[in-house]
């Protein structure tokens, strides 16, 4: 059976799938899997946001599916989603992640992606995701749905979206000045957010805060 018919796509020659992941092996493996579906005319991999933005600004496609990991070396996923949505309204965003923290997952879903699938998912899940999005519905794979179905209070629920964003910059080792520059916030605001996060977690240093967050899969 033709996979295009199975998925239910009405594809044309201007369709493309873009994978953004800073782990080259996963990126290339996932791209190979997508290519085997034969529903996209092109499949491209990018390791960072600068490559992605440059490509989007210089190419025009009728159908664009962006498969995006939460963990990127030099970019916060929440910000990247917002930037991509500003650049183009045509893009369908699918988060592909190994995240296990329900609080962070819920914060990402608040950004309005079209789909969210676990890296532990198989071929059939990717097909179902594409089919659901084509129906203009949001797809959440069973693994992710199970994680966020738990009603326990998680540590991440205590952090605001802005604090979760800043955690990524702190984790990359950026200084207060550099973080302020990248986020368009004042240095005083950055310091205040960092102080609030340390108070919430009873941490005495930024190193302790980062270890605390990594232990709870917030990073």
C-alpha atoms as a PDB file:
ATOM      1  CA  UNK A   1       0.000   0.000   0.000  1.00  0.00           C
ATOM      2  CA  UNK A   2       1.191   3.518  -0.785  1.00  0.00           C
ATOM      3  CA  UNK A   3       2.173   5.187   2.504  1.00  0.00           C
ATOM      4  CA  UNK A   4       0.897   8.522   1.195  1.00  0.00           C
ATOM      5  CA  UNK A   5      -2.570   7.020   1.021  1.00  0.00           C
ATOM      6  CA  UNK A   6      -2.131   5.408   4.424  1.00  0.00           C
ATOM      7  CA  UNK A   7      -1.230   8.704   6.054  1.00  0.00           C
ATOM      8  CA  UNK A   8      -3.908  10.595   4.178  1.00  0.00           C
ATOM      9  CA  UNK A   9      -1.606  13.351   2.912  1.00  0.00           C
ATOM     10  CA  UNK A  10      -2.428  15.533  -0.046  1.00  0.00           C
ATOM     11  CA  UNK A  11       1.240  16.335  -0.668  1.00  0.00           C
ATOM     12  CA  UNK A  12       2.737  18.423  -3.424  1.00  0.00           C
ATOM     13  CA  UNK A  13       6.221  19.187  -4.722  1.00  0.00           C
ATOM     14  CA  UNK A  14       6.734  22.003  -2.212  1.00  0.00           C
ATOM     15  CA  UNK A  15       6.477  19.869   0.933  1.00  0.00           C
ATOM     16  CA  UNK A  16       9.398  19.415   3.316  1.00  0.00           C
ATOM     17  CA  UNK A  17      10.262  17.866   6.675  1.00  0.00           C
ATOM     18  CA  UNK A  18      12.938  19.585   8.770  1.00  0.00           C
ATOM     19  CA  UNK A  19      14.604  17.961  11.763  1.00  0.00           C
ATOM     20  CA  UNK A  20      16.443  20.140  14.300  1.00  0.00           C
ATOM     21  CA  UNK A  21      18.504  18.183  16.829  1.00  0.00           C
ATOM     22  CA  UNK A  22      22.068  18.743  18.024  1.00  0.00           C
ATOM     23  CA  UNK A  23      22.685  14.984  18.250  1.00  0.00           C
ATOM     24  CA  UNK A  24      23.813  14.115  14.738  1.00  0.00           C
ATOM     25  CA  UNK A  25      23.232  10.367  14.993  1.00  0.00           C
ATOM     26  CA  UNK A  26      19.608  10.767  16.083  1.00  0.00           C
ATOM     27  CA  UNK A  27      19.011  13.517  13.538  1.00  0.00           C
ATOM     28  CA  UNK A  28      20.279  11.432  10.632  1.00  0.00           C
ATOM     29  CA  UNK A  29      18.479   8.285  11.812  1.00  0.00           C
ATOM     30  CA  UNK A  30      15.194  10.124  12.230  1.00  0.00           C
ATOM     31  CA  UNK A  31      15.621  11.779   8.821  1.00  0.00           C
ATOM     32  CA  UNK A  32      16.162   8.352   7.251  1.00  0.00           C
ATOM     33  CA  UNK A  33      12.962   7.101   8.875  1.00  0.00           C
ATOM     34  CA  UNK A  34      10.993  10.092   7.613  1.00  0.00           C
ATOM     35  CA  UNK A  35      12.362   9.603   4.095  1.00  0.00           C
ATOM     36  CA  UNK A  36      11.094   6.013   4.057  1.00  0.00           C
ATOM     37  CA  UNK A  37       7.547   7.316   4.441  1.00  0.00           C
ATOM     38  CA  UNK A  38       7.726   8.907   0.971  1.00  0.00           C
ATOM     39  CA  UNK A  39       5.327  11.684   1.958  1.00  0.00           C
ATOM     40  CA  UNK A  40       7.777  14.584   1.773  1.00  0.00           C
ATOM     41  CA  UNK A  41       9.632  15.784  -1.297  1.00  0.00           C
ATOM     42  CA  UNK A  42      12.575  16.839   0.877  1.00  0.00           C
ATOM     43  CA  UNK A  43      13.929  15.985   4.320  1.00  0.00           C
ATOM     44  CA  UNK A  44      16.599  18.211   5.865  1.00  0.00           C
ATOM     45  CA  UNK A  45      18.551  18.158   9.139  1.00  0.00           C
ATOM     46  CA  UNK A  46      19.855  21.176  11.021  1.00  0.00           C
ATOM     47  CA  UNK A  47      21.868  21.194  14.231  1.00  0.00           C
ATOM     48  CA  UNK A  48      20.962  24.697  15.404  1.00  0.00           C
ATOM     49  CA  UNK A  49      18.500  27.538  15.008  1.00  0.00           C
ATOM     50  CA  UNK A  50      20.728  29.743  12.826  1.00  0.00           C
ATOM     51  CA  UNK A  51      20.784  27.123  10.062  1.00  0.00           C
ATOM     52  CA  UNK A  52      17.026  26.692  10.390  1.00  0.00           C
ATOM     53  CA  UNK A  53      16.206  30.410  10.240  1.00  0.00           C
ATOM     54  CA  UNK A  54      18.500  31.000   7.280  1.00  0.00           C
ATOM     55  CA  UNK A  55      16.837  28.189   5.375  1.00  0.00           C
ATOM     56  CA  UNK A  56      13.282  29.288   6.196  1.00  0.00           C
ATOM     57  CA  UNK A  57      13.968  32.887   5.217  1.00  0.00           C
ATOM     58  CA  UNK A  58      15.369  31.900   1.822  1.00  0.00           C
ATOM     59  CA  UNK A  59      12.976  29.083   0.876  1.00  0.00           C
ATOM     60  CA  UNK A  60       9.233  28.931   0.450  1.00  0.00           C
ATOM     61  CA  UNK A  61       7.225  25.748   0.870  1.00  0.00           C
ATOM     62  CA  UNK A  62       3.492  25.129   0.987  1.00  0.00           C
ATOM     63  CA  UNK A  63       3.831  22.432   3.629  1.00  0.00           C
ATOM     64  CA  UNK A  64       6.555  22.487   6.302  1.00  0.00           C
ATOM     65  CA  UNK A  65       6.817  20.011   9.173  1.00  0.00           C
ATOM     66  CA  UNK A  66       9.411  20.915  11.792  1.00  0.00           C
ATOM     67  CA  UNK A  67      10.527  18.102  14.114  1.00  0.00           C
ATOM     68  CA  UNK A  68      12.210  19.734  17.091  1.00  0.00           C
ATOM     69  CA  UNK A  69      13.986  18.443  20.181  1.00  0.00           C
ATOM     70  CA  UNK A  70      13.585  20.150  23.558  1.00  0.00           C
ATOM     71  CA  UNK A  71      17.269  19.869  24.388  1.00  0.00           C
ATOM     72  CA  UNK A  72      19.359  22.030  22.048  1.00  0.00           C
ATOM     73  CA  UNK A  73      22.902  23.114  22.798  1.00  0.00           C
ATOM     74  CA  UNK A  74      22.533  26.844  22.198  1.00  0.00           C
ATOM     75  CA  UNK A  75      18.810  27.548  22.125  1.00  0.00           C
ATOM     76  CA  UNK A  76      15.851  27.251  24.447  1.00  0.00           C
ATOM     77  CA  UNK A  77      13.107  25.230  22.764  1.00  0.00           C
ATOM     78  CA  UNK A  78      10.323  27.468  24.070  1.00  0.00           C
ATOM     79  CA  UNK A  79      11.928  30.497  22.433  1.00  0.00           C
ATOM     80  CA  UNK A  80      12.638  28.605  19.225  1.00  0.00           C
ATOM     81  CA  UNK A  81       8.971  27.656  18.867  1.00  0.00           C
ATOM     82  CA  UNK A  82       7.961  31.293  19.259  1.00  0.00           C
ATOM     83  CA  UNK A  83      10.572  32.454  16.744  1.00  0.00           C
ATOM     84  CA  UNK A  84       9.519  29.890  14.149  1.00  0.00           C
ATOM     85  CA  UNK A  85       5.859  30.759  14.582  1.00  0.00           C
ATOM     86  CA  UNK A  86       6.695  34.413  13.954  1.00  0.00           C
ATOM     87  CA  UNK A  87       8.634  33.589  10.797  1.00  0.00           C
ATOM     88  CA  UNK A  88       5.942  31.455   9.201  1.00  0.00           C
ATOM     89  CA  UNK A  89       2.353  30.465   9.874  1.00  0.00           C
ATOM     90  CA  UNK A  90       2.710  27.514   7.499  1.00  0.00           C
ATOM     91  CA  UNK A  91       4.950  25.464   9.756  1.00  0.00           C
ATOM     92  CA  UNK A  92       3.617  22.485  11.679  1.00  0.00           C
ATOM     93  CA  UNK A  93       5.764  21.969  14.804  1.00  0.00           C
ATOM     94  CA  UNK A  94       6.269  18.508  16.276  1.00  0.00           C
ATOM     95  CA  UNK A  95       8.353  18.180  19.442  1.00  0.00           C
ATOM     96  CA  UNK A  96      10.373  14.953  19.490  1.00  0.00           C
ATOM     97  CA  UNK A  97      11.905  14.481  22.916  1.00  0.00           C
ATOM     98  CA  UNK A  98      12.979  12.071  25.626  1.00  0.00           C
ATOM     99  CA  UNK A  99      11.467  14.339  28.300  1.00  0.00           C
ATOM    100  CA  UNK A 100       9.949  12.556  31.279  1.00  0.00           C
ATOM    101  CA  UNK A 101       8.996  15.550  33.423  1.00  0.00           C
ATOM    102  CA  UNK A 102       5.252  16.307  33.193  1.00  0.00           C
ATOM    103  CA  UNK A 103       5.668  19.917  34.296  1.00  0.00           C
ATOM    104  CA  UNK A 104       8.095  20.763  31.483  1.00  0.00           C
ATOM    105  CA  UNK A 105       5.986  18.851  28.953  1.00  0.00           C
ATOM    106  CA  UNK A 106       2.916  20.861  29.928  1.00  0.00           C
ATOM    107  CA  UNK A 107       4.845  24.121  29.595  1.00  0.00           C
ATOM    108  CA  UNK A 108       5.931  23.121  26.095  1.00  0.00           C
ATOM    109  CA  UNK A 109       2.376  22.189  25.150  1.00  0.00           C
ATOM    110  CA  UNK A 110       1.326  25.676  26.269  1.00  0.00           C
ATOM    111  CA  UNK A 111       3.428  27.030  23.370  1.00  0.00           C
ATOM    112  CA  UNK A 112       1.004  25.499  20.877  1.00  0.00           C
ATOM    113  CA  UNK A 113       2.970  22.794  19.012  1.00  0.00           C
ATOM    114  CA  UNK A 114       1.002  20.630  16.580  1.00  0.00           C
ATOM    115  CA  UNK A 115       2.382  17.400  17.979  1.00  0.00           C
ATOM    116  CA  UNK A 116       4.469  15.916  20.777  1.00  0.00           C
ATOM    117  CA  UNK A 117       6.055  12.483  20.442  1.00  0.00           C
ATOM    118  CA  UNK A 118       8.550  10.576  22.552  1.00  0.00           C
ATOM    119  CA  UNK A 119      11.907   9.534  21.116  1.00  0.00           C
ATOM    120  CA  UNK A 120      10.952   6.047  22.270  1.00  0.00           C
ATOM    121  CA  UNK A 121       8.063   6.000  19.761  1.00  0.00           C
ATOM    122  CA  UNK A 122       7.982   3.795  16.693  1.00  0.00           C
ATOM    123  CA  UNK A 123       7.170   4.210  13.008  1.00  0.00           C
ATOM    124  CA  UNK A 124       3.419   3.804  13.545  1.00  0.00           C
ATOM    125  CA  UNK A 125       3.359   6.680  16.049  1.00  0.00           C
ATOM    126  CA  UNK A 126       4.982   9.056  13.562  1.00  0.00           C
ATOM    127  CA  UNK A 127       2.399   8.081  10.943  1.00  0.00           C
ATOM    128  CA  UNK A 128      -0.436   8.624  13.404  1.00  0.00           C
ATOM    129  CA  UNK A 129       1.013  11.995  14.369  1.00  0.00           C
ATOM    130  CA  UNK A 130       1.112  13.187  10.748  1.00  0.00           C
ATOM    131  CA  UNK A 131      -2.379  11.888  10.088  1.00  0.00           C
ATOM    132  CA  UNK A 132      -3.787  13.648  13.181  1.00  0.00           C
ATOM    133  CA  UNK A 133      -2.128  16.958  12.332  1.00  0.00           C
ATOM    134  CA  UNK A 134      -3.536  16.782   8.800  1.00  0.00           C
ATOM    135  CA  UNK A 135      -6.972  16.719  10.438  1.00  0.00           C
ATOM    136  CA  UNK A 136      -6.019  20.007  12.143  1.00  0.00           C
ATOM    137  CA  UNK A 137      -5.831  18.306  15.524  1.00  0.00           C
ATOM    138  CA  UNK A 138      -2.990  18.255  18.067  1.00  0.00           C
ATOM    139  CA  UNK A 139      -1.303  14.883  18.485  1.00  0.00           C
ATOM    140  CA  UNK A 140       0.216  13.663  21.768  1.00  0.00           C
ATOM    141  CA  UNK A 141       1.729  10.193  21.663  1.00  0.00           C
ATOM    142  CA  UNK A 142       0.669   7.579  24.263  1.00  0.00           C
ATOM    143  CA  UNK A 143       3.979   7.757  26.158  1.00  0.00           C
ATOM    144  CA  UNK A 144       3.759  11.531  26.605  1.00  0.00           C
ATOM    145  CA  UNK A 145       0.031  11.346  27.379  1.00  0.00           C
ATOM    146  CA  UNK A 146       0.749   8.821  30.136  1.00  0.00           C
ATOM    147  CA  UNK A 147       3.421  11.051  31.659  1.00  0.00           C
ATOM    148  CA  UNK A 148       1.209  14.135  31.830  1.00  0.00           C
ATOM    149  CA  UNK A 149      -1.817  12.157  33.019  1.00  0.00           C
ATOM    150  CA  UNK A 150      -0.274  11.767  36.459  1.00  0.00           C
ATOM    151  CA  UNK A 151      -1.716  14.220  38.946  1.00  0.00           C
ATOM    152  CA  UNK A 152       1.321  14.420  41.230  1.00  0.00           C
ATOM    153  CA  UNK A 153       2.705  17.868  41.881  1.00  0.00           C
ATOM    154  CA  UNK A 154       6.109  18.161  40.239  1.00  0.00           C
ATOM    155  CA  UNK A 155       8.965  20.451  41.123  1.00  0.00           C
ATOM    156  CA  UNK A 156       8.787  22.105  37.712  1.00  0.00           C
ATOM    157  CA  UNK A 157       5.277  23.360  38.506  1.00  0.00           C
ATOM    158  CA  UNK A 158       6.907  25.858  40.873  1.00  0.00           C
ATOM    159  CA  UNK A 159       8.867  27.485  38.043  1.00  0.00           C
ATOM    160  CA  UNK A 160       7.364  29.974  35.633  1.00  0.00           C
ATOM    161  CA  UNK A 161       7.880  29.666  31.875  1.00  0.00           C
ATOM    162  CA  UNK A 162      10.444  32.465  32.052  1.00  0.00           C
ATOM    163  CA  UNK A 163      12.339  30.691  34.820  1.00  0.00           C
ATOM    164  CA  UNK A 164      12.374  27.439  32.835  1.00  0.00           C
ATOM    165  CA  UNK A 165      13.766  29.413  29.890  1.00  0.00           C
ATOM    166  CA  UNK A 166      16.478  31.040  32.000  1.00  0.00           C
ATOM    167  CA  UNK A 167      17.491  27.676  33.447  1.00  0.00           C
ATOM    168  CA  UNK A 168      18.596  26.598  29.972  1.00  0.00           C
ATOM    169  CA  UNK A 169      20.883  29.625  29.643  1.00  0.00           C
ATOM    170  CA  UNK A 170      22.343  29.053  33.111  1.00  0.00           C
ATOM    171  CA  UNK A 171      22.921  25.416  32.205  1.00  0.00           C
ATOM    172  CA  UNK A 172      24.899  26.455  29.123  1.00  0.00           C
ATOM    173  CA  UNK A 173      27.183  28.499  31.341  1.00  0.00           C
ATOM    174  CA  UNK A 174      26.125  31.929  30.109  1.00  0.00           C
ATOM    175  CA  UNK A 175      26.954  34.869  32.349  1.00  0.00           C
ATOM    176  CA  UNK A 176      24.348  37.259  33.713  1.00  0.00           C
ATOM    177  CA  UNK A 177      25.365  39.824  31.086  1.00  0.00           C
ATOM    178  CA  UNK A 178      25.148  37.328  28.206  1.00  0.00           C
ATOM    179  CA  UNK A 179      21.812  35.927  29.411  1.00  0.00           C
ATOM    180  CA  UNK A 180      20.408  39.449  29.651  1.00  0.00           C
ATOM    181  CA  UNK A 181      21.580  40.152  26.114  1.00  0.00           C
ATOM    182  CA  UNK A 182      20.058  36.957  24.692  1.00  0.00           C
ATOM    183  CA  UNK A 183      16.720  37.368  26.476  1.00  0.00           C
ATOM    184  CA  UNK A 184      16.352  41.157  26.168  1.00  0.00           C
ATOM    185  CA  UNK A 185      15.973  41.410  29.931  1.00  0.00           C
ATOM    186  CA  UNK A 186      17.879  43.623  32.359  1.00  0.00           C
ATOM    187  CA  UNK A 187      20.685  42.162  34.447  1.00  0.00           C
ATOM    188  CA  UNK A 188      18.666  43.009  37.573  1.00  0.00           C
ATOM    189  CA  UNK A 189      15.728  40.959  36.263  1.00  0.00           C
ATOM    190  CA  UNK A 190      17.985  37.975  35.543  1.00  0.00           C
ATOM    191  CA  UNK A 191      19.459  38.148  39.034  1.00  0.00           C
ATOM    192  CA  UNK A 192      15.983  38.428  40.580  1.00  0.00           C
ATOM    193  CA  UNK A 193      14.744  35.347  38.672  1.00  0.00           C
ATOM    194  CA  UNK A 194      17.817  33.375  39.690  1.00  0.00           C
ATOM    195  CA  UNK A 195      17.376  34.399  43.331  1.00  0.00           C
ATOM    196  CA  UNK A 196      13.695  33.381  43.250  1.00  0.00           C
ATOM    197  CA  UNK A 197      14.526  29.948  41.804  1.00  0.00           C
ATOM    198  CA  UNK A 198      17.163  29.364  44.461  1.00  0.00           C
ATOM    199  CA  UNK A 199      14.701  30.343  47.187  1.00  0.00           C
ATOM    200  CA  UNK A 200      12.045  27.993  45.773  1.00  0.00           C
ATOM    201  CA  UNK A 201      14.475  25.076  45.797  1.00  0.00           C
ATOM    202  CA  UNK A 202      16.444  25.986  48.931  1.00  0.00           C
ATOM    203  CA  UNK A 203      19.648  26.013  46.885  1.00  0.00           C
ATOM    204  CA  UNK A 204      22.602  28.130  48.017  1.00  0.00           C
ATOM    205  CA  UNK A 205      24.413  28.484  44.675  1.00  0.00           C
ATOM    206  CA  UNK A 206      23.760  28.351  40.938  1.00  0.00           C
ATOM    207  CA  UNK A 207      25.716  25.073  40.782  1.00  0.00           C
ATOM    208  CA  UNK A 208      23.459  23.531  43.401  1.00  0.00           C
ATOM    209  CA  UNK A 209      20.389  24.842  41.574  1.00  0.00           C
ATOM    210  CA  UNK A 210      21.524  23.245  38.300  1.00  0.00           C
ATOM    211  CA  UNK A 211      22.228  19.908  39.979  1.00  0.00           C
ATOM    212  CA  UNK A 212      18.805  20.074  41.629  1.00  0.00           C
ATOM    213  CA  UNK A 213      17.095  20.714  38.286  1.00  0.00           C
ATOM    214  CA  UNK A 214      19.056  18.035  36.415  1.00  0.00           C
ATOM    215  CA  UNK A 215      18.117  15.500  39.070  1.00  0.00           C
ATOM    216  CA  UNK A 216      14.452  16.262  38.385  1.00  0.00           C
ATOM    217  CA  UNK A 217      14.847  16.279  34.574  1.00  0.00           C
ATOM    218  CA  UNK A 218      14.186  19.987  34.303  1.00  0.00           C
ATOM    219  CA  UNK A 219      17.374  20.258  32.235  1.00  0.00           C
END
